[in-house]
Amino acid sequence: MIILGIDPGYALVGYGVVRYEQHRFTPLEYGAIVTGTDIPFSQRLDRIYEGLSGIIERHQPDAVAVEKLFFHTNQKTVIMVAEARGVILLAIEKSGRELFEYTPLQVKTAVTGYGRAVKSQVMEMVRRLLRLREVPKPDDTADALAVAICHANTAGTALKQKIL
């Protein structure tokens, strides 16, 4: 099973593609779609759409897992992240891939076993589970990989039967 995990944003969209077979994770590709502050916001959204569409096309994931929006105190930021998230959901819908959404609490619990784990604990577990030398950078990338791992660990009986 190939899973694409996404950590939504508008300056950085973290992504991680993993293969999950026989209770083992293999990273296939990970990184971030970066949009510069020097271009209009609508062009940033277009870059996110095109970048994500390309990743989906390259890997043909069986499932796409996205972290649910966490509300910040800055209203302008929340609105912009929500708009970027809308573009991300559109790219997934247009690709025909199945979408799964997880809260930060669900991701932390699935990856570390503890819903109140701190960011460094989640990142270290991502590194260990994927057998990487270092924690992926930027943080958005490690977060996206954590979302993919979360999906593999919690997707339910139908997915588990497909994987095993």
C-alpha atoms as a PDB file:
ATOM      1  CA  MET A   1       0.000   0.000   0.000  1.00  0.00           C
ATOM      2  CA  ILE A   2       1.347   3.427  -0.950  1.00  0.00           C
ATOM      3  CA  ILE A   3       0.237   6.325   1.240  1.00  0.00           C
ATOM      4  CA  LEU A   4       0.747  10.046   0.635  1.00  0.00           C
ATOM      5  CA  GLY A   5       0.728  12.129   3.811  1.00  0.00           C
ATOM      6  CA  ILE A   6       0.235  15.897   3.648  1.00  0.00           C
ATOM      7  CA  ASP A   7       0.811  18.678   6.171  1.00  0.00           C
ATOM      8  CA  PRO A   8      -1.167  21.631   4.734  1.00  0.00           C
ATOM      9  CA  GLY A   9       0.173  25.154   4.564  1.00  0.00           C
ATOM     10  CA  TYR A  10       0.649  27.910   2.026  1.00  0.00           C
ATOM     11  CA  ALA A  11       4.333  28.821   2.402  1.00  0.00           C
ATOM     12  CA  LEU A  12       5.295  25.168   2.860  1.00  0.00           C
ATOM     13  CA  VAL A  13       3.213  22.093   2.135  1.00  0.00           C
ATOM     14  CA  GLY A  14       4.932  19.091   3.646  1.00  0.00           C
ATOM     15  CA  TYR A  15       4.473  15.786   1.870  1.00  0.00           C
ATOM     16  CA  GLY A  16       5.663  12.246   2.396  1.00  0.00           C
ATOM     17  CA  VAL A  17       5.072   9.141   0.336  1.00  0.00           C
ATOM     18  CA  VAL A  18       5.568   5.818   2.078  1.00  0.00           C
ATOM     19  CA  ARG A  19       5.036   2.198   1.197  1.00  0.00           C
ATOM     20  CA  TYR A  20       3.564   0.105   3.999  1.00  0.00           C
ATOM     21  CA  GLU A  21       3.920  -3.658   3.594  1.00  0.00           C
ATOM     22  CA  GLN A  22       4.057  -6.424   6.181  1.00  0.00           C
ATOM     23  CA  HIS A  23       4.112  -3.938   9.063  1.00  0.00           C
ATOM     24  CA  ARG A  24       7.148  -2.164   7.608  1.00  0.00           C
ATOM     25  CA  PHE A  25       7.502   1.371   6.257  1.00  0.00           C
ATOM     26  CA  THR A  26       9.632   2.356   3.280  1.00  0.00           C
ATOM     27  CA  PRO A  27       9.969   6.055   2.409  1.00  0.00           C
ATOM     28  CA  LEU A  28       9.553   6.644  -1.327  1.00  0.00           C
ATOM     29  CA  GLU A  29       9.727  10.446  -1.526  1.00  0.00           C
ATOM     30  CA  TYR A  30       9.371  13.325   0.895  1.00  0.00           C
ATOM     31  CA  GLY A  31       9.882  17.050   0.940  1.00  0.00           C
ATOM     32  CA  ALA A  32       7.952  20.287   0.784  1.00  0.00           C
ATOM     33  CA  ILE A  33       6.216  22.305  -1.880  1.00  0.00           C
ATOM     34  CA  VAL A  34       7.588  25.791  -1.242  1.00  0.00           C
ATOM     35  CA  THR A  35       5.889  28.968  -2.404  1.00  0.00           C
ATOM     36  CA  GLY A  36       7.652  32.300  -2.184  1.00  0.00           C
ATOM     37  CA  THR A  37       6.253  35.416  -0.599  1.00  0.00           C
ATOM     38  CA  ASP A  38       7.312  37.362  -3.689  1.00  0.00           C
ATOM     39  CA  ILE A  39       4.455  36.029  -5.839  1.00  0.00           C
ATOM     40  CA  PRO A  40       0.710  36.720  -5.601  1.00  0.00           C
ATOM     41  CA  PHE A  41      -1.244  34.398  -3.333  1.00  0.00           C
ATOM     42  CA  SER A  42      -3.293  32.986  -6.218  1.00  0.00           C
ATOM     43  CA  GLN A  43      -0.058  31.905  -7.931  1.00  0.00           C
ATOM     44  CA  ARG A  44       1.103  30.296  -4.711  1.00  0.00           C
ATOM     45  CA  LEU A  45      -2.115  28.269  -4.647  1.00  0.00           C
ATOM     46  CA  ASP A  46      -1.530  27.249  -8.265  1.00  0.00           C
ATOM     47  CA  ARG A  47       1.990  26.042  -7.410  1.00  0.00           C
ATOM     48  CA  ILE A  48       0.596  23.977  -4.548  1.00  0.00           C
ATOM     49  CA  TYR A  49      -2.026  22.413  -6.832  1.00  0.00           C
ATOM     50  CA  GLU A  50       0.447  21.648  -9.608  1.00  0.00           C
ATOM     51  CA  GLY A  51       3.117  20.347  -7.228  1.00  0.00           C
ATOM     52  CA  LEU A  52       0.743  18.052  -5.389  1.00  0.00           C
ATOM     53  CA  SER A  53      -0.844  16.842  -8.631  1.00  0.00           C
ATOM     54  CA  GLY A  54       2.632  15.889  -9.874  1.00  0.00           C
ATOM     55  CA  ILE A  55       3.426  13.931  -6.710  1.00  0.00           C
ATOM     56  CA  ILE A  56       0.132  12.057  -6.958  1.00  0.00           C
ATOM     57  CA  GLU A  57       0.754  11.317 -10.634  1.00  0.00           C
ATOM     58  CA  ARG A  58       4.297  10.012  -9.955  1.00  0.00           C
ATOM     59  CA  HIS A  59       3.397   7.699  -7.077  1.00  0.00           C
ATOM     60  CA  GLN A  60      -0.258   6.761  -7.687  1.00  0.00           C
ATOM     61  CA  PRO A  61      -0.957   6.419  -3.947  1.00  0.00           C
ATOM     62  CA  ASP A  62      -3.641   4.060  -2.718  1.00  0.00           C
ATOM     63  CA  ALA A  63      -4.635   6.603  -0.062  1.00  0.00           C
ATOM     64  CA  VAL A  64      -3.963  10.253   0.741  1.00  0.00           C
ATOM     65  CA  ALA A  65      -3.956  11.349   4.373  1.00  0.00           C
ATOM     66  CA  VAL A  66      -4.191  15.035   5.306  1.00  0.00           C
ATOM     67  CA  GLU A  67      -3.812  16.652   8.688  1.00  0.00           C
ATOM     68  CA  LYS A  68      -6.953  18.517   9.727  1.00  0.00           C
ATOM     69  CA  LEU A  69      -6.667  22.249  10.161  1.00  0.00           C
ATOM     70  CA  PHE A  70      -5.500  23.343  13.576  1.00  0.00           C
ATOM     71  CA  PHE A  71      -6.842  26.781  14.480  1.00  0.00           C
ATOM     72  CA  HIS A  72      -4.205  29.351  15.295  1.00  0.00           C
ATOM     73  CA  THR A  73      -4.765  32.688  16.999  1.00  0.00           C
ATOM     74  CA  ASN A  74      -3.918  34.646  13.849  1.00  0.00           C
ATOM     75  CA  GLN A  75      -7.147  34.831  11.790  1.00  0.00           C
ATOM     76  CA  LYS A  76      -5.379  35.908   8.587  1.00  0.00           C
ATOM     77  CA  THR A  77      -3.078  32.903   8.764  1.00  0.00           C
ATOM     78  CA  VAL A  78      -5.971  30.512   9.422  1.00  0.00           C
ATOM     79  CA  ILE A  79      -7.854  31.799   6.389  1.00  0.00           C
ATOM     80  CA  MET A  80      -4.826  31.488   4.116  1.00  0.00           C
ATOM     81  CA  VAL A  81      -4.039  27.964   5.342  1.00  0.00           C
ATOM     82  CA  ALA A  82      -7.697  27.026   4.851  1.00  0.00           C
ATOM     83  CA  GLU A  83      -7.587  28.319   1.276  1.00  0.00           C
ATOM     84  CA  ALA A  84      -4.418  26.327   0.597  1.00  0.00           C
ATOM     85  CA  ARG A  85      -6.015  23.279   2.193  1.00  0.00           C
ATOM     86  CA  GLY A  86      -8.972  23.698  -0.169  1.00  0.00           C
ATOM     87  CA  VAL A  87      -6.615  23.563  -3.142  1.00  0.00           C
ATOM     88  CA  ILE A  88      -4.967  20.462  -1.660  1.00  0.00           C
ATOM     89  CA  LEU A  89      -8.349  18.751  -1.246  1.00  0.00           C
ATOM     90  CA  LEU A  90      -9.265  19.712  -4.814  1.00  0.00           C
ATOM     91  CA  ALA A  91      -6.070  18.129  -6.193  1.00  0.00           C
ATOM     92  CA  ILE A  92      -6.835  14.934  -4.271  1.00  0.00           C
ATOM     93  CA  GLU A  93     -10.449  14.886  -5.460  1.00  0.00           C
ATOM     94  CA  LYS A  94      -9.451  15.478  -9.096  1.00  0.00           C
ATOM     95  CA  SER A  95      -6.935  12.615  -8.870  1.00  0.00           C
ATOM     96  CA  GLY A  96      -9.631  10.157  -7.802  1.00  0.00           C
ATOM     97  CA  ARG A  97      -7.627   9.092  -4.747  1.00  0.00           C
ATOM     98  CA  GLU A  98      -9.316   8.274  -1.466  1.00  0.00           C
ATOM     99  CA  LEU A  99      -8.954  11.012   1.159  1.00  0.00           C
ATOM    100  CA  PHE A 100      -8.499  10.455   4.900  1.00  0.00           C
ATOM    101  CA  GLU A 101      -8.191  13.236   7.479  1.00  0.00           C
ATOM    102  CA  TYR A 102      -6.594  13.114  10.918  1.00  0.00           C
ATOM    103  CA  THR A 103      -6.346  15.565  13.786  1.00  0.00           C
ATOM    104  CA  PRO A 104      -2.952  16.394  15.322  1.00  0.00           C
ATOM    105  CA  LEU A 105      -3.996  14.373  18.400  1.00  0.00           C
ATOM    106  CA  GLN A 106      -4.759  11.321  16.253  1.00  0.00           C
ATOM    107  CA  VAL A 107      -1.407  11.641  14.470  1.00  0.00           C
ATOM    108  CA  LYS A 108       0.563  11.919  17.726  1.00  0.00           C
ATOM    109  CA  THR A 109      -1.268   8.959  19.237  1.00  0.00           C
ATOM    110  CA  ALA A 110      -0.775   6.741  16.171  1.00  0.00           C
ATOM    111  CA  VAL A 111       2.917   7.569  15.808  1.00  0.00           C
ATOM    112  CA  THR A 112       4.089   7.750  19.427  1.00  0.00           C
ATOM    113  CA  GLY A 113       1.308   6.079  21.403  1.00  0.00           C
ATOM    114  CA  TYR A 114       0.782   9.304  23.353  1.00  0.00           C
ATOM    115  CA  GLY A 115      -1.572  12.064  22.198  1.00  0.00           C
ATOM    116  CA  ARG A 116       0.263  14.787  24.099  1.00  0.00           C
ATOM    117  CA  ALA A 117       3.690  13.950  22.683  1.00  0.00           C
ATOM    118  CA  VAL A 118       5.876  16.947  21.867  1.00  0.00           C
ATOM    119  CA  LYS A 119       6.999  17.650  18.326  1.00  0.00           C
ATOM    120  CA  SER A 120      10.521  16.298  18.905  1.00  0.00           C
ATOM    121  CA  GLN A 121       9.105  12.948  20.080  1.00  0.00           C
ATOM    122  CA  VAL A 122       6.936  12.615  16.978  1.00  0.00           C
ATOM    123  CA  MET A 123       9.842  13.514  14.707  1.00  0.00           C
ATOM    124  CA  GLU A 124      12.143  10.989  16.368  1.00  0.00           C
ATOM    125  CA  MET A 125       9.540   8.234  15.971  1.00  0.00           C
ATOM    126  CA  VAL A 126       9.140   9.159  12.292  1.00  0.00           C
ATOM    127  CA  ARG A 127      12.919   8.855  11.878  1.00  0.00           C
ATOM    128  CA  ARG A 128      12.982   5.482  13.616  1.00  0.00           C
ATOM    129  CA  LEU A 129       9.945   3.993  11.883  1.00  0.00           C
ATOM    130  CA  LEU A 130      11.288   4.992   8.469  1.00  0.00           C
ATOM    131  CA  ARG A 131      14.848   3.969   9.380  1.00  0.00           C
ATOM    132  CA  LEU A 132      16.292   7.361   8.417  1.00  0.00           C
ATOM    133  CA  ARG A 133      19.644   8.718   9.579  1.00  0.00           C
ATOM    134  CA  GLU A 134      18.196  12.113  10.401  1.00  0.00           C
ATOM    135  CA  VAL A 135      14.809  13.671  11.043  1.00  0.00           C
ATOM    136  CA  PRO A 136      13.480  14.983   7.709  1.00  0.00           C
ATOM    137  CA  LYS A 137      13.586  18.760   7.266  1.00  0.00           C
ATOM    138  CA  PRO A 138      11.742  21.058   7.181  1.00  0.00           C
ATOM    139  CA  ASP A 139       9.444  20.144  10.086  1.00  0.00           C
ATOM    140  CA  ASP A 140       6.456  20.164   7.707  1.00  0.00           C
ATOM    141  CA  THR A 141       8.000  17.210   5.880  1.00  0.00           C
ATOM    142  CA  ALA A 142       8.372  15.159   9.070  1.00  0.00           C
ATOM    143  CA  ASP A 143       4.790  16.108   9.987  1.00  0.00           C
ATOM    144  CA  ALA A 144       3.533  14.864   6.613  1.00  0.00           C
ATOM    145  CA  LEU A 145       5.368  11.570   7.040  1.00  0.00           C
ATOM    146  CA  ALA A 146       3.780  11.262  10.488  1.00  0.00           C
ATOM    147  CA  VAL A 147       0.344  11.706   8.883  1.00  0.00           C
ATOM    148  CA  ALA A 148       1.110   8.896   6.408  1.00  0.00           C
ATOM    149  CA  ILE A 149       2.290   6.645   9.262  1.00  0.00           C
ATOM    150  CA  CYS A 150      -0.859   7.539  11.210  1.00  0.00           C
ATOM    151  CA  HIS A 151      -3.020   6.395   8.324  1.00  0.00           C
ATOM    152  CA  ALA A 152      -1.212   3.068   8.038  1.00  0.00           C
ATOM    153  CA  ASN A 153      -1.553   2.473  11.763  1.00  0.00           C
ATOM    154  CA  THR A 154      -5.215   3.497  12.152  1.00  0.00           C
ATOM    155  CA  ALA A 155      -7.010   3.109   8.852  1.00  0.00           C
ATOM    156  CA  GLY A 156      -9.230   0.256   9.950  1.00  0.00           C
ATOM    157  CA  THR A 157      -9.972  -3.309   9.107  1.00  0.00           C
ATOM    158  CA  ALA A 158     -10.528  -2.964   5.357  1.00  0.00           C
ATOM    159  CA  LEU A 159      -7.145  -1.278   4.854  1.00  0.00           C
ATOM    160  CA  LYS A 160      -5.389  -3.692   7.207  1.00  0.00           C
ATOM    161  CA  GLN A 161      -6.745  -6.634   5.210  1.00  0.00           C
ATOM    162  CA  LYS A 162      -5.440  -5.108   1.974  1.00  0.00           C
ATOM    163  CA  ILE A 163      -1.993  -4.549   3.471  1.00  0.00           C
ATOM    164  CA  LEU A 164      -1.568  -7.969   5.061  1.00  0.00           C
END
